């Protein structure tokens, strides 16, 4: 009885080993695909070290996992960046326009000696000046 069991155990081990061997052969057949063009160019033709390839492949794997796990976060971040990039020129133009009006107000008050001018009129003149108007020069001509 013991001999039969030992033979059966050996046969089972051999069968398991052969099955693993066949699985490994089938896995290696799947892995024997042609190399991507960038691997062929950088690591085969140019001869970059293999450690760079390992680092690139690890980073690629981590990046794919990150995208897979955090799709909602990534899309919301891209949305926020797109919206801010869209509105940035508008905000910059407004800021520059406000700075120009502030400078024009001080210029009008100092050079034209208009101390008793209404605030609305002063804002109108400074806006006109920043947009290329020439009302300030006409005021100068009228006051003289």
C-alpha atoms as a PDB file:
ATOM      1  CA  UNK A   1       0.000   0.000   0.000  1.00  0.00           C
ATOM      2  CA  UNK A   2       2.727   2.406   0.923  1.00  0.00           C
ATOM      3  CA  UNK A   3       4.509   1.795  -2.383  1.00  0.00           C
ATOM      4  CA  UNK A   4       1.361   2.561  -4.361  1.00  0.00           C
ATOM      5  CA  UNK A   5       0.794   5.754  -2.401  1.00  0.00           C
ATOM      6  CA  UNK A   6       4.390   6.852  -2.890  1.00  0.00           C
ATOM      7  CA  UNK A   7       4.142   6.175  -6.625  1.00  0.00           C
ATOM      8  CA  UNK A   8       0.890   8.094  -6.776  1.00  0.00           C
ATOM      9  CA  UNK A   9       2.475  10.957  -4.864  1.00  0.00           C
ATOM     10  CA  UNK A  10       5.453  10.977  -7.234  1.00  0.00           C
ATOM     11  CA  UNK A  11       3.142  10.833 -10.223  1.00  0.00           C
ATOM     12  CA  UNK A  12       1.110  13.710  -8.791  1.00  0.00           C
ATOM     13  CA  UNK A  13       4.278  15.757  -8.230  1.00  0.00           C
ATOM     14  CA  UNK A  14       5.429  15.052 -11.776  1.00  0.00           C
ATOM     15  CA  UNK A  15       2.031  15.991 -13.179  1.00  0.00           C
ATOM     16  CA  UNK A  16       1.996  19.198 -11.135  1.00  0.00           C
ATOM     17  CA  UNK A  17       5.507  19.991 -12.324  1.00  0.00           C
ATOM     18  CA  UNK A  18       4.565  19.326 -15.939  1.00  0.00           C
ATOM     19  CA  UNK A  19       1.434  21.471 -15.584  1.00  0.00           C
ATOM     20  CA  UNK A  20       3.494  24.327 -14.160  1.00  0.00           C
ATOM     21  CA  UNK A  21       6.009  23.878 -16.946  1.00  0.00           C
ATOM     22  CA  UNK A  22       3.258  24.049 -19.573  1.00  0.00           C
ATOM     23  CA  UNK A  23       1.787  27.151 -17.916  1.00  0.00           C
ATOM     24  CA  UNK A  24       5.179  28.832 -17.895  1.00  0.00           C
ATOM     25  CA  UNK A  25       5.680  27.981 -21.561  1.00  0.00           C
ATOM     26  CA  UNK A  26       2.288  29.427 -22.429  1.00  0.00           C
ATOM     27  CA  UNK A  27       3.091  32.550 -20.380  1.00  0.00           C
ATOM     28  CA  UNK A  28       6.430  33.016 -22.108  1.00  0.00           C
ATOM     29  CA  UNK A  29       4.703  32.723 -25.471  1.00  0.00           C
ATOM     30  CA  UNK A  30       2.406  35.561 -24.450  1.00  0.00           C
ATOM     31  CA  UNK A  31       5.379  37.633 -23.281  1.00  0.00           C
ATOM     32  CA  UNK A  32       7.370  37.130 -26.467  1.00  0.00           C
ATOM     33  CA  UNK A  33       5.713  40.065 -28.195  1.00  0.00           C
ATOM     34  CA  UNK A  34       7.810  42.444 -30.214  1.00  0.00           C
ATOM     35  CA  UNK A  35       9.274  45.371 -28.300  1.00  0.00           C
ATOM     36  CA  UNK A  36       7.670  48.808 -28.521  1.00  0.00           C
ATOM     37  CA  UNK A  37       9.442  51.180 -30.896  1.00  0.00           C
ATOM     38  CA  UNK A  38      10.720  53.449 -28.127  1.00  0.00           C
ATOM     39  CA  UNK A  39      12.290  50.522 -26.237  1.00  0.00           C
ATOM     40  CA  UNK A  40      13.895  49.304 -29.436  1.00  0.00           C
ATOM     41  CA  UNK A  41      15.258  52.756 -30.201  1.00  0.00           C
ATOM     42  CA  UNK A  42      16.443  53.847 -26.755  1.00  0.00           C
ATOM     43  CA  UNK A  43      17.613  50.623 -25.165  1.00  0.00           C
ATOM     44  CA  UNK A  44      18.584  48.404 -28.080  1.00  0.00           C
ATOM     45  CA  UNK A  45      19.883  50.804 -30.711  1.00  0.00           C
ATOM     46  CA  UNK A  46      21.258  53.637 -28.557  1.00  0.00           C
ATOM     47  CA  UNK A  47      22.162  51.391 -25.631  1.00  0.00           C
ATOM     48  CA  UNK A  48      20.782  53.142 -22.578  1.00  0.00           C
ATOM     49  CA  UNK A  49      21.168  51.204 -19.305  1.00  0.00           C
ATOM     50  CA  UNK A  50      18.453  48.725 -18.353  1.00  0.00           C
ATOM     51  CA  UNK A  51      17.865  50.423 -15.009  1.00  0.00           C
ATOM     52  CA  UNK A  52      16.267  53.338 -16.873  1.00  0.00           C
ATOM     53  CA  UNK A  53      13.881  50.934 -18.580  1.00  0.00           C
ATOM     54  CA  UNK A  54      12.955  49.400 -15.240  1.00  0.00           C
ATOM     55  CA  UNK A  55      12.300  52.863 -13.751  1.00  0.00           C
ATOM     56  CA  UNK A  56      10.212  53.904 -16.749  1.00  0.00           C
ATOM     57  CA  UNK A  57       8.127  50.740 -16.614  1.00  0.00           C
ATOM     58  CA  UNK A  58       7.560  51.113 -12.855  1.00  0.00           C
ATOM     59  CA  UNK A  59       6.507  54.735 -13.301  1.00  0.00           C
ATOM     60  CA  UNK A  60       4.189  53.749 -16.142  1.00  0.00           C
ATOM     61  CA  UNK A  61       2.604  51.037 -13.985  1.00  0.00           C
ATOM     62  CA  UNK A  62       2.163  53.438 -11.049  1.00  0.00           C
ATOM     63  CA  UNK A  63       0.670  56.063 -13.356  1.00  0.00           C
ATOM     64  CA  UNK A  64      -1.852  53.587 -14.773  1.00  0.00           C
ATOM     65  CA  UNK A  65      -2.850  52.503 -11.267  1.00  0.00           C
ATOM     66  CA  UNK A  66      -3.227  56.132 -10.197  1.00  0.00           C
ATOM     67  CA  UNK A  67      -5.486  56.867 -13.144  1.00  0.00           C
ATOM     68  CA  UNK A  68      -7.489  53.719 -12.512  1.00  0.00           C
ATOM     69  CA  UNK A  69      -8.023  54.502  -8.818  1.00  0.00           C
ATOM     70  CA  UNK A  70      -8.451  58.292  -8.882  1.00  0.00           C
ATOM     71  CA  UNK A  71     -10.363  59.071 -12.078  1.00  0.00           C
ATOM     72  CA  UNK A  72     -12.813  61.441 -10.404  1.00  0.00           C
ATOM     73  CA  UNK A  73     -10.057  63.427  -8.694  1.00  0.00           C
ATOM     74  CA  UNK A  74      -8.015  63.697 -11.890  1.00  0.00           C
ATOM     75  CA  UNK A  75     -10.988  64.850 -13.970  1.00  0.00           C
ATOM     76  CA  UNK A  76     -11.975  67.448 -11.385  1.00  0.00           C
ATOM     77  CA  UNK A  77      -8.378  68.707 -11.254  1.00  0.00           C
ATOM     78  CA  UNK A  78      -8.254  68.947 -15.061  1.00  0.00           C
ATOM     79  CA  UNK A  79     -11.580  70.801 -15.023  1.00  0.00           C
ATOM     80  CA  UNK A  80     -10.312  73.338 -12.489  1.00  0.00           C
ATOM     81  CA  UNK A  81      -7.099  73.868 -14.468  1.00  0.00           C
ATOM     82  CA  UNK A  82      -9.029  74.330 -17.698  1.00  0.00           C
ATOM     83  CA  UNK A  83     -11.421  76.849 -16.149  1.00  0.00           C
ATOM     84  CA  UNK A  84      -8.591  78.831 -14.571  1.00  0.00           C
ATOM     85  CA  UNK A  85      -6.629  78.805 -17.851  1.00  0.00           C
ATOM     86  CA  UNK A  86      -9.748  80.022 -19.648  1.00  0.00           C
ATOM     87  CA  UNK A  87     -10.384  82.930 -17.267  1.00  0.00           C
ATOM     88  CA  UNK A  88      -6.750  83.939 -16.682  1.00  0.00           C
ATOM     89  CA  UNK A  89      -6.582  86.388 -19.637  1.00  0.00           C
ATOM     90  CA  UNK A  90      -9.810  88.064 -18.526  1.00  0.00           C
ATOM     91  CA  UNK A  91      -8.550  88.514 -14.973  1.00  0.00           C
ATOM     92  CA  UNK A  92      -5.173  89.789 -16.186  1.00  0.00           C
ATOM     93  CA  UNK A  93      -6.806  92.319 -18.523  1.00  0.00           C
ATOM     94  CA  UNK A  94      -9.068  93.575 -15.722  1.00  0.00           C
ATOM     95  CA  UNK A  95      -6.131  93.922 -13.344  1.00  0.00           C
ATOM     96  CA  UNK A  96      -4.110  95.870 -15.901  1.00  0.00           C
ATOM     97  CA  UNK A  97      -7.100  98.083 -16.649  1.00  0.00           C
ATOM     98  CA  UNK A  98      -7.617  98.884 -12.948  1.00  0.00           C
ATOM     99  CA  UNK A  99      -3.927  99.713 -12.516  1.00  0.00           C
ATOM    100  CA  UNK A 100      -4.061 101.976 -15.564  1.00  0.00           C
ATOM    101  CA  UNK A 101      -7.108 103.790 -14.209  1.00  0.00           C
ATOM    102  CA  UNK A 102      -5.421 104.292 -10.837  1.00  0.00           C
ATOM    103  CA  UNK A 103      -2.323 105.732 -12.507  1.00  0.00           C
ATOM    104  CA  UNK A 104      -4.439 107.898 -14.811  1.00  0.00           C
ATOM    105  CA  UNK A 105      -6.400 109.312 -11.857  1.00  0.00           C
ATOM    106  CA  UNK A 106      -3.241 110.398 -10.090  1.00  0.00           C
ATOM    107  CA  UNK A 107      -1.882 111.785 -13.379  1.00  0.00           C
ATOM    108  CA  UNK A 108      -5.046 113.796 -14.020  1.00  0.00           C
ATOM    109  CA  UNK A 109      -5.155 115.230 -10.506  1.00  0.00           C
ATOM    110  CA  UNK A 110      -1.463 116.154 -10.439  1.00  0.00           C
ATOM    111  CA  UNK A 111      -0.907 117.503 -13.956  1.00  0.00           C
ATOM    112  CA  UNK A 112      -4.241 119.144 -14.675  1.00  0.00           C
ATOM    113  CA  UNK A 113      -4.703 120.735 -11.255  1.00  0.00           C
ATOM    114  CA  UNK A 114      -8.289 119.451 -11.074  1.00  0.00           C
ATOM    115  CA  UNK A 115      -8.727 119.229  -7.315  1.00  0.00           C
ATOM    116  CA  UNK A 116     -12.452 119.921  -7.193  1.00  0.00           C
ATOM    117  CA  UNK A 117     -13.555 117.387  -9.824  1.00  0.00           C
ATOM    118  CA  UNK A 118     -16.374 114.928  -9.211  1.00  0.00           C
ATOM    119  CA  UNK A 119     -15.293 111.287  -8.549  1.00  0.00           C
ATOM    120  CA  UNK A 120     -17.494 109.972 -11.344  1.00  0.00           C
ATOM    121  CA  UNK A 121     -16.030 112.460 -13.796  1.00  0.00           C
ATOM    122  CA  UNK A 122     -12.526 111.568 -12.682  1.00  0.00           C
ATOM    123  CA  UNK A 123     -13.250 107.860 -13.223  1.00  0.00           C
ATOM    124  CA  UNK A 124     -14.748 108.619 -16.627  1.00  0.00           C
ATOM    125  CA  UNK A 125     -11.684 110.632 -17.652  1.00  0.00           C
ATOM    126  CA  UNK A 126      -9.246 107.996 -16.415  1.00  0.00           C
ATOM    127  CA  UNK A 127     -11.127 105.197 -18.216  1.00  0.00           C
ATOM    128  CA  UNK A 128     -11.190 107.273 -21.376  1.00  0.00           C
ATOM    129  CA  UNK A 129      -7.467 107.957 -21.069  1.00  0.00           C
ATOM    130  CA  UNK A 130      -6.637 104.259 -20.575  1.00  0.00           C
ATOM    131  CA  UNK A 131      -8.690 103.291 -23.614  1.00  0.00           C
ATOM    132  CA  UNK A 132      -6.859 105.753 -25.850  1.00  0.00           C
ATOM    133  CA  UNK A 133      -9.164 108.740 -25.573  1.00  0.00           C
ATOM    134  CA  UNK A 134      -7.990 112.332 -25.709  1.00  0.00           C
ATOM    135  CA  UNK A 135     -10.521 114.085 -23.474  1.00  0.00           C
ATOM    136  CA  UNK A 136      -7.802 115.013 -21.010  1.00  0.00           C
ATOM    137  CA  UNK A 137      -6.067 117.153 -23.613  1.00  0.00           C
ATOM    138  CA  UNK A 138      -9.346 118.876 -24.406  1.00  0.00           C
ATOM    139  CA  UNK A 139      -9.854 119.680 -20.726  1.00  0.00           C
ATOM    140  CA  UNK A 140      -6.422 121.202 -20.651  1.00  0.00           C
ATOM    141  CA  UNK A 141      -7.314 123.384 -23.612  1.00  0.00           C
ATOM    142  CA  UNK A 142     -10.631 124.414 -22.045  1.00  0.00           C
ATOM    143  CA  UNK A 143      -9.166 125.283 -18.624  1.00  0.00           C
ATOM    144  CA  UNK A 144      -6.467 127.528 -20.076  1.00  0.00           C
END
